């Protein structure tokens, strides 16, 4: 197996515990506009998807017509509530260890650039990632399509097979596997067995990640 030269991190659900908060804002705003959704079911179905995809899917499924500015309004509510979202437990120590070892890292998220930068700045993580890539703005097709990870690898000058991706959602794992990268799946909302079935190596605690990366051939 090729030794990794680049780590690519997802953001929401891997670095920042924002998925439950963002999902809650969507469910609350949908209810205010006539659509009742189940909080947990919506979180599990759409974990890792773009907000525009979530809204389009729900509109088609329920015959619902949200206002034209619905996505923007929810985005604004999420951005305003970013202080509610903490770092995933243990991830700050992992990032420090990787940075101290000189491991190249970038970020690839389905969020927009503005949202990515707000989250990273809030956590003090911006300096860890030399480049940040957006599935909503940098490529034609966001995750679960492989475009974003292929784009990130190309921009960083590394072959996909030389990349290790850290993901948490089915959409993200599908995208990274389809791009030809090696994938470690943070099994928080996605069950271990599902992570394995999708082609990734599961882990349940960020403290496990350095051991997995060392086992993959990364010098840390």
C-alpha atoms as a PDB file:
ATOM      1  CA  UNK A   1       0.000   0.000   0.000  1.00  0.00           C
ATOM      2  CA  UNK A   2       1.266   3.477  -0.904  1.00  0.00           C
ATOM      3  CA  UNK A   3       2.476   5.546   2.064  1.00  0.00           C
ATOM      4  CA  UNK A   4       0.265   8.611   2.581  1.00  0.00           C
ATOM      5  CA  UNK A   5       1.579  12.068   1.689  1.00  0.00           C
ATOM      6  CA  UNK A   6      -1.509  14.117   2.532  1.00  0.00           C
ATOM      7  CA  UNK A   7      -4.301  14.100   5.089  1.00  0.00           C
ATOM      8  CA  UNK A   8      -7.652  15.525   4.020  1.00  0.00           C
ATOM      9  CA  UNK A   9     -10.110  16.321   6.794  1.00  0.00           C
ATOM     10  CA  UNK A  10     -13.826  16.845   6.517  1.00  0.00           C
ATOM     11  CA  UNK A  11     -15.073  19.665   8.751  1.00  0.00           C
ATOM     12  CA  UNK A  12     -18.573  19.230  10.189  1.00  0.00           C
ATOM     13  CA  UNK A  13     -18.727  16.126  12.356  1.00  0.00           C
ATOM     14  CA  UNK A  14     -14.960  15.556  12.195  1.00  0.00           C
ATOM     15  CA  UNK A  15     -13.486  18.820  13.484  1.00  0.00           C
ATOM     16  CA  UNK A  16     -16.531  20.649  14.785  1.00  0.00           C
ATOM     17  CA  UNK A  17     -19.609  19.191  16.440  1.00  0.00           C
ATOM     18  CA  UNK A  18     -21.933  21.263  14.267  1.00  0.00           C
ATOM     19  CA  UNK A  19     -24.133  18.678  12.558  1.00  0.00           C
ATOM     20  CA  UNK A  20     -26.741  18.416  15.360  1.00  0.00           C
ATOM     21  CA  UNK A  21     -26.967  22.211  15.653  1.00  0.00           C
ATOM     22  CA  UNK A  22     -27.219  22.748  11.887  1.00  0.00           C
ATOM     23  CA  UNK A  23     -29.831  20.012  11.589  1.00  0.00           C
ATOM     24  CA  UNK A  24     -31.851  21.545  14.412  1.00  0.00           C
ATOM     25  CA  UNK A  25     -31.859  24.927  12.650  1.00  0.00           C
ATOM     26  CA  UNK A  26     -33.116  23.269   9.455  1.00  0.00           C
ATOM     27  CA  UNK A  27     -35.887  21.384  11.273  1.00  0.00           C
ATOM     28  CA  UNK A  28     -36.985  24.485  13.205  1.00  0.00           C
ATOM     29  CA  UNK A  29     -37.032  26.697  10.119  1.00  0.00           C
ATOM     30  CA  UNK A  30     -38.888  24.063   8.092  1.00  0.00           C
ATOM     31  CA  UNK A  31     -41.528  23.847  10.834  1.00  0.00           C
ATOM     32  CA  UNK A  32     -41.942  27.622  10.708  1.00  0.00           C
ATOM     33  CA  UNK A  33     -42.724  27.237   7.005  1.00  0.00           C
ATOM     34  CA  UNK A  34     -45.195  24.384   7.290  1.00  0.00           C
ATOM     35  CA  UNK A  35     -43.063  21.229   7.160  1.00  0.00           C
ATOM     36  CA  UNK A  36     -42.757  19.027  10.255  1.00  0.00           C
ATOM     37  CA  UNK A  37     -39.624  16.868  10.352  1.00  0.00           C
ATOM     38  CA  UNK A  38     -38.287  14.317  12.832  1.00  0.00           C
ATOM     39  CA  UNK A  39     -35.037  15.619  14.290  1.00  0.00           C
ATOM     40  CA  UNK A  40     -33.023  12.386  14.604  1.00  0.00           C
ATOM     41  CA  UNK A  41     -34.210  10.871  11.328  1.00  0.00           C
ATOM     42  CA  UNK A  42     -33.311  14.037   9.438  1.00  0.00           C
ATOM     43  CA  UNK A  43     -29.849  14.140  11.021  1.00  0.00           C
ATOM     44  CA  UNK A  44     -29.052  10.540  10.116  1.00  0.00           C
ATOM     45  CA  UNK A  45     -30.385  10.812   6.565  1.00  0.00           C
ATOM     46  CA  UNK A  46     -28.652  14.046   5.625  1.00  0.00           C
ATOM     47  CA  UNK A  47     -25.447  13.963   7.687  1.00  0.00           C
ATOM     48  CA  UNK A  48     -22.720  15.399   5.443  1.00  0.00           C
ATOM     49  CA  UNK A  49     -25.051  16.645   2.680  1.00  0.00           C
ATOM     50  CA  UNK A  50     -25.195  20.241   1.498  1.00  0.00           C
ATOM     51  CA  UNK A  51     -28.051  22.319   2.853  1.00  0.00           C
ATOM     52  CA  UNK A  52     -29.357  22.983  -0.661  1.00  0.00           C
ATOM     53  CA  UNK A  53     -29.484  19.215  -1.318  1.00  0.00           C
ATOM     54  CA  UNK A  54     -31.337  18.601   1.938  1.00  0.00           C
ATOM     55  CA  UNK A  55     -33.931  21.261   1.156  1.00  0.00           C
ATOM     56  CA  UNK A  56     -34.404  20.132  -2.462  1.00  0.00           C
ATOM     57  CA  UNK A  57     -34.854  16.506  -1.374  1.00  0.00           C
ATOM     58  CA  UNK A  58     -37.366  17.394   1.325  1.00  0.00           C
ATOM     59  CA  UNK A  59     -39.306  19.685  -1.014  1.00  0.00           C
ATOM     60  CA  UNK A  60     -39.597  16.961  -3.659  1.00  0.00           C
ATOM     61  CA  UNK A  61     -40.506  14.264  -1.146  1.00  0.00           C
ATOM     62  CA  UNK A  62     -43.198  16.218   0.682  1.00  0.00           C
ATOM     63  CA  UNK A  63     -44.515  18.420  -2.121  1.00  0.00           C
ATOM     64  CA  UNK A  64     -43.316  21.358  -0.069  1.00  0.00           C
ATOM     65  CA  UNK A  65     -42.547  24.809  -1.463  1.00  0.00           C
ATOM     66  CA  UNK A  66     -40.098  26.656   0.810  1.00  0.00           C
ATOM     67  CA  UNK A  67     -39.524  30.389   0.302  1.00  0.00           C
ATOM     68  CA  UNK A  68     -36.908  31.351  -2.282  1.00  0.00           C
ATOM     69  CA  UNK A  69     -34.554  32.592   0.443  1.00  0.00           C
ATOM     70  CA  UNK A  70     -35.035  29.576   2.741  1.00  0.00           C
ATOM     71  CA  UNK A  71     -31.515  28.152   2.299  1.00  0.00           C
ATOM     72  CA  UNK A  72     -29.896  31.553   2.846  1.00  0.00           C
ATOM     73  CA  UNK A  73     -31.946  32.141   5.991  1.00  0.00           C
ATOM     74  CA  UNK A  74     -30.988  28.764   7.466  1.00  0.00           C
ATOM     75  CA  UNK A  75     -27.333  29.338   6.508  1.00  0.00           C
ATOM     76  CA  UNK A  76     -27.437  32.690   8.311  1.00  0.00           C
ATOM     77  CA  UNK A  77     -28.966  31.086  11.409  1.00  0.00           C
ATOM     78  CA  UNK A  78     -26.280  28.393  11.430  1.00  0.00           C
ATOM     79  CA  UNK A  79     -23.492  30.955  11.038  1.00  0.00           C
ATOM     80  CA  UNK A  80     -24.945  33.048  13.862  1.00  0.00           C
ATOM     81  CA  UNK A  81     -25.037  29.981  16.114  1.00  0.00           C
ATOM     82  CA  UNK A  82     -21.523  28.715  15.406  1.00  0.00           C
ATOM     83  CA  UNK A  83     -20.495  29.542  18.983  1.00  0.00           C
ATOM     84  CA  UNK A  84     -22.872  26.772  20.077  1.00  0.00           C
ATOM     85  CA  UNK A  85     -20.683  24.193  18.330  1.00  0.00           C
ATOM     86  CA  UNK A  86     -17.640  22.808  20.121  1.00  0.00           C
ATOM     87  CA  UNK A  87     -14.665  20.976  18.689  1.00  0.00           C
ATOM     88  CA  UNK A  88     -15.055  17.216  18.453  1.00  0.00           C
ATOM     89  CA  UNK A  89     -13.503  15.852  21.679  1.00  0.00           C
ATOM     90  CA  UNK A  90      -9.827  15.032  21.221  1.00  0.00           C
ATOM     91  CA  UNK A  91      -9.411  16.485  17.743  1.00  0.00           C
ATOM     92  CA  UNK A  92      -7.431  19.552  18.866  1.00  0.00           C
ATOM     93  CA  UNK A  93      -4.719  17.346  20.386  1.00  0.00           C
ATOM     94  CA  UNK A  94      -4.598  15.222  17.230  1.00  0.00           C
ATOM     95  CA  UNK A  95      -4.187  18.280  15.006  1.00  0.00           C
ATOM     96  CA  UNK A  96      -1.381  19.600  17.205  1.00  0.00           C
ATOM     97  CA  UNK A  97       0.408  16.244  17.054  1.00  0.00           C
ATOM     98  CA  UNK A  98       0.097  16.073  13.274  1.00  0.00           C
ATOM     99  CA  UNK A  99       1.242  19.669  12.816  1.00  0.00           C
ATOM    100  CA  UNK A 100       4.226  19.119  15.117  1.00  0.00           C
ATOM    101  CA  UNK A 101       5.188  16.129  12.959  1.00  0.00           C
ATOM    102  CA  UNK A 102       4.991  18.263   9.809  1.00  0.00           C
ATOM    103  CA  UNK A 103       2.155  16.272   8.247  1.00  0.00           C
ATOM    104  CA  UNK A 104       0.578  18.120   5.262  1.00  0.00           C
ATOM    105  CA  UNK A 105      -3.128  18.689   5.843  1.00  0.00           C
ATOM    106  CA  UNK A 106      -5.971  20.272   3.915  1.00  0.00           C
ATOM    107  CA  UNK A 107      -9.717  20.395   4.395  1.00  0.00           C
ATOM    108  CA  UNK A 108     -12.549  19.360   2.065  1.00  0.00           C
ATOM    109  CA  UNK A 109     -16.093  20.148   3.147  1.00  0.00           C
ATOM    110  CA  UNK A 110     -19.470  20.380   1.447  1.00  0.00           C
ATOM    111  CA  UNK A 111     -19.971  23.707   3.247  1.00  0.00           C
ATOM    112  CA  UNK A 112     -19.395  27.056   1.561  1.00  0.00           C
ATOM    113  CA  UNK A 113     -16.031  28.778   2.011  1.00  0.00           C
ATOM    114  CA  UNK A 114     -17.525  31.419   4.300  1.00  0.00           C
ATOM    115  CA  UNK A 115     -18.983  28.742   6.561  1.00  0.00           C
ATOM    116  CA  UNK A 116     -15.723  26.786   6.622  1.00  0.00           C
ATOM    117  CA  UNK A 117     -13.712  29.846   7.607  1.00  0.00           C
ATOM    118  CA  UNK A 118     -16.179  30.812  10.351  1.00  0.00           C
ATOM    119  CA  UNK A 119     -15.984  27.338  11.889  1.00  0.00           C
ATOM    120  CA  UNK A 120     -12.196  27.089  11.722  1.00  0.00           C
ATOM    121  CA  UNK A 121     -11.703  30.580  13.140  1.00  0.00           C
ATOM    122  CA  UNK A 122     -14.129  29.861  15.989  1.00  0.00           C
ATOM    123  CA  UNK A 123     -12.109  26.778  16.973  1.00  0.00           C
ATOM    124  CA  UNK A 124      -8.673  28.274  16.295  1.00  0.00           C
ATOM    125  CA  UNK A 125      -7.939  25.585  13.684  1.00  0.00           C
ATOM    126  CA  UNK A 126      -7.402  27.695  10.560  1.00  0.00           C
ATOM    127  CA  UNK A 127      -3.597  27.510  10.634  1.00  0.00           C
ATOM    128  CA  UNK A 128      -3.566  23.717  10.535  1.00  0.00           C
ATOM    129  CA  UNK A 129      -4.882  23.557   6.956  1.00  0.00           C
ATOM    130  CA  UNK A 130      -2.851  25.004   4.098  1.00  0.00           C
ATOM    131  CA  UNK A 131      -5.863  24.866   1.757  1.00  0.00           C
ATOM    132  CA  UNK A 132      -9.608  24.609   2.287  1.00  0.00           C
ATOM    133  CA  UNK A 133     -11.894  23.284  -0.448  1.00  0.00           C
ATOM    134  CA  UNK A 134     -15.670  23.665  -0.753  1.00  0.00           C
ATOM    135  CA  UNK A 135     -17.990  21.129  -2.342  1.00  0.00           C
ATOM    136  CA  UNK A 136     -20.636  23.834  -2.597  1.00  0.00           C
ATOM    137  CA  UNK A 137     -18.419  26.269  -4.527  1.00  0.00           C
ATOM    138  CA  UNK A 138     -15.276  24.644  -5.954  1.00  0.00           C
ATOM    139  CA  UNK A 139     -16.678  21.692  -7.914  1.00  0.00           C
ATOM    140  CA  UNK A 140     -19.694  20.893 -10.061  1.00  0.00           C
ATOM    141  CA  UNK A 141     -20.871  18.039  -7.831  1.00  0.00           C
ATOM    142  CA  UNK A 142     -20.510  17.915  -4.046  1.00  0.00           C
ATOM    143  CA  UNK A 143     -20.170  14.779  -1.936  1.00  0.00           C
ATOM    144  CA  UNK A 144     -21.173  11.936  -2.396  1.00  0.00           C
ATOM    145  CA  UNK A 145     -19.648  12.510  -5.850  1.00  0.00           C
ATOM    146  CA  UNK A 146     -15.839  12.120  -5.794  1.00  0.00           C
ATOM    147  CA  UNK A 147     -15.206  15.523  -7.421  1.00  0.00           C
ATOM    148  CA  UNK A 148     -14.250  17.396  -4.259  1.00  0.00           C
ATOM    149  CA  UNK A 149     -11.625  14.893  -3.140  1.00  0.00           C
ATOM    150  CA  UNK A 150     -10.215  14.567  -6.641  1.00  0.00           C
ATOM    151  CA  UNK A 151     -10.027  18.363  -6.824  1.00  0.00           C
ATOM    152  CA  UNK A 152      -8.309  18.630  -3.437  1.00  0.00           C
ATOM    153  CA  UNK A 153      -5.706  15.999  -4.310  1.00  0.00           C
ATOM    154  CA  UNK A 154      -5.018  17.622  -7.675  1.00  0.00           C
ATOM    155  CA  UNK A 155      -4.674  21.099  -6.183  1.00  0.00           C
ATOM    156  CA  UNK A 156      -2.324  19.771  -3.500  1.00  0.00           C
ATOM    157  CA  UNK A 157      -0.214  17.945  -6.095  1.00  0.00           C
ATOM    158  CA  UNK A 158      -0.784  14.497  -4.618  1.00  0.00           C
ATOM    159  CA  UNK A 159      -2.261  11.375  -6.213  1.00  0.00           C
ATOM    160  CA  UNK A 160      -5.555  10.231  -4.628  1.00  0.00           C
ATOM    161  CA  UNK A 161      -3.941   6.919  -3.656  1.00  0.00           C
ATOM    162  CA  UNK A 162      -1.427   8.909  -1.583  1.00  0.00           C
ATOM    163  CA  UNK A 163      -4.182  10.644   0.403  1.00  0.00           C
ATOM    164  CA  UNK A 164      -5.862   9.619   3.637  1.00  0.00           C
ATOM    165  CA  UNK A 165      -9.302  11.130   4.215  1.00  0.00           C
ATOM    166  CA  UNK A 166     -10.940  11.542   7.625  1.00  0.00           C
ATOM    167  CA  UNK A 167     -14.723  11.455   7.242  1.00  0.00           C
ATOM    168  CA  UNK A 168     -17.803  10.825   9.360  1.00  0.00           C
ATOM    169  CA  UNK A 169     -20.798  10.658   7.010  1.00  0.00           C
ATOM    170  CA  UNK A 170     -21.961   8.144   4.427  1.00  0.00           C
ATOM    171  CA  UNK A 171     -21.882  10.856   1.766  1.00  0.00           C
ATOM    172  CA  UNK A 172     -18.306  11.763   2.627  1.00  0.00           C
ATOM    173  CA  UNK A 173     -17.071   8.181   2.843  1.00  0.00           C
ATOM    174  CA  UNK A 174     -18.670   7.355  -0.505  1.00  0.00           C
ATOM    175  CA  UNK A 175     -17.012  10.394  -2.087  1.00  0.00           C
ATOM    176  CA  UNK A 176     -13.554   9.652  -0.706  1.00  0.00           C
ATOM    177  CA  UNK A 177     -13.675   5.953  -1.600  1.00  0.00           C
ATOM    178  CA  UNK A 178     -14.883   6.748  -5.117  1.00  0.00           C
ATOM    179  CA  UNK A 179     -11.966   9.164  -5.495  1.00  0.00           C
ATOM    180  CA  UNK A 180      -9.522   6.358  -4.741  1.00  0.00           C
ATOM    181  CA  UNK A 181      -8.263   7.592  -1.389  1.00  0.00           C
ATOM    182  CA  UNK A 182      -7.826   5.624   1.803  1.00  0.00           C
ATOM    183  CA  UNK A 183     -10.573   6.516   4.284  1.00  0.00           C
ATOM    184  CA  UNK A 184     -10.845   6.447   8.062  1.00  0.00           C
ATOM    185  CA  UNK A 185     -14.463   6.804   9.143  1.00  0.00           C
ATOM    186  CA  UNK A 186     -15.295   8.483  12.438  1.00  0.00           C
ATOM    187  CA  UNK A 187     -18.181   6.256  13.495  1.00  0.00           C
ATOM    188  CA  UNK A 188     -20.275   8.620  15.544  1.00  0.00           C
ATOM    189  CA  UNK A 189     -23.591   8.897  13.707  1.00  0.00           C
ATOM    190  CA  UNK A 190     -22.674   6.261  11.102  1.00  0.00           C
ATOM    191  CA  UNK A 191     -22.537   2.727  12.613  1.00  0.00           C
ATOM    192  CA  UNK A 192     -19.223   0.819  12.530  1.00  0.00           C
ATOM    193  CA  UNK A 193     -20.610  -1.896  10.290  1.00  0.00           C
ATOM    194  CA  UNK A 194     -21.892   0.674   7.815  1.00  0.00           C
ATOM    195  CA  UNK A 195     -18.500   2.420   7.713  1.00  0.00           C
ATOM    196  CA  UNK A 196     -16.854  -0.922   6.898  1.00  0.00           C
ATOM    197  CA  UNK A 197     -19.464  -1.753   4.256  1.00  0.00           C
ATOM    198  CA  UNK A 198     -18.777   1.576   2.555  1.00  0.00           C
ATOM    199  CA  UNK A 199     -15.066   0.742   2.322  1.00  0.00           C
ATOM    200  CA  UNK A 200     -13.563   2.731   5.204  1.00  0.00           C
ATOM    201  CA  UNK A 201     -11.742   1.844   8.416  1.00  0.00           C
ATOM    202  CA  UNK A 202     -13.919   2.806  11.400  1.00  0.00           C
ATOM    203  CA  UNK A 203     -12.837   4.459  14.635  1.00  0.00           C
ATOM    204  CA  UNK A 204     -14.928   5.724  17.527  1.00  0.00           C
ATOM    205  CA  UNK A 205     -12.595   8.094  19.378  1.00  0.00           C
ATOM    206  CA  UNK A 206     -10.224  10.743  18.026  1.00  0.00           C
ATOM    207  CA  UNK A 207      -7.520   9.366  20.339  1.00  0.00           C
ATOM    208  CA  UNK A 208      -7.428   6.296  18.058  1.00  0.00           C
ATOM    209  CA  UNK A 209      -6.599   8.305  14.948  1.00  0.00           C
ATOM    210  CA  UNK A 210      -2.813   8.773  15.408  1.00  0.00           C
ATOM    211  CA  UNK A 211      -2.400   5.017  15.880  1.00  0.00           C
ATOM    212  CA  UNK A 212      -4.381   4.314  12.712  1.00  0.00           C
ATOM    213  CA  UNK A 213      -2.381   6.871  10.755  1.00  0.00           C
ATOM    214  CA  UNK A 214       0.918   5.445  11.986  1.00  0.00           C
ATOM    215  CA  UNK A 215      -0.286   2.001  10.947  1.00  0.00           C
ATOM    216  CA  UNK A 216      -1.031   3.399   7.491  1.00  0.00           C
ATOM    217  CA  UNK A 217       2.611   4.427   7.153  1.00  0.00           C
ATOM    218  CA  UNK A 218       2.453   8.054   8.255  1.00  0.00           C
ATOM    219  CA  UNK A 219       5.494   9.195  10.228  1.00  0.00           C
ATOM    220  CA  UNK A 220       4.076  10.872  13.342  1.00  0.00           C
END
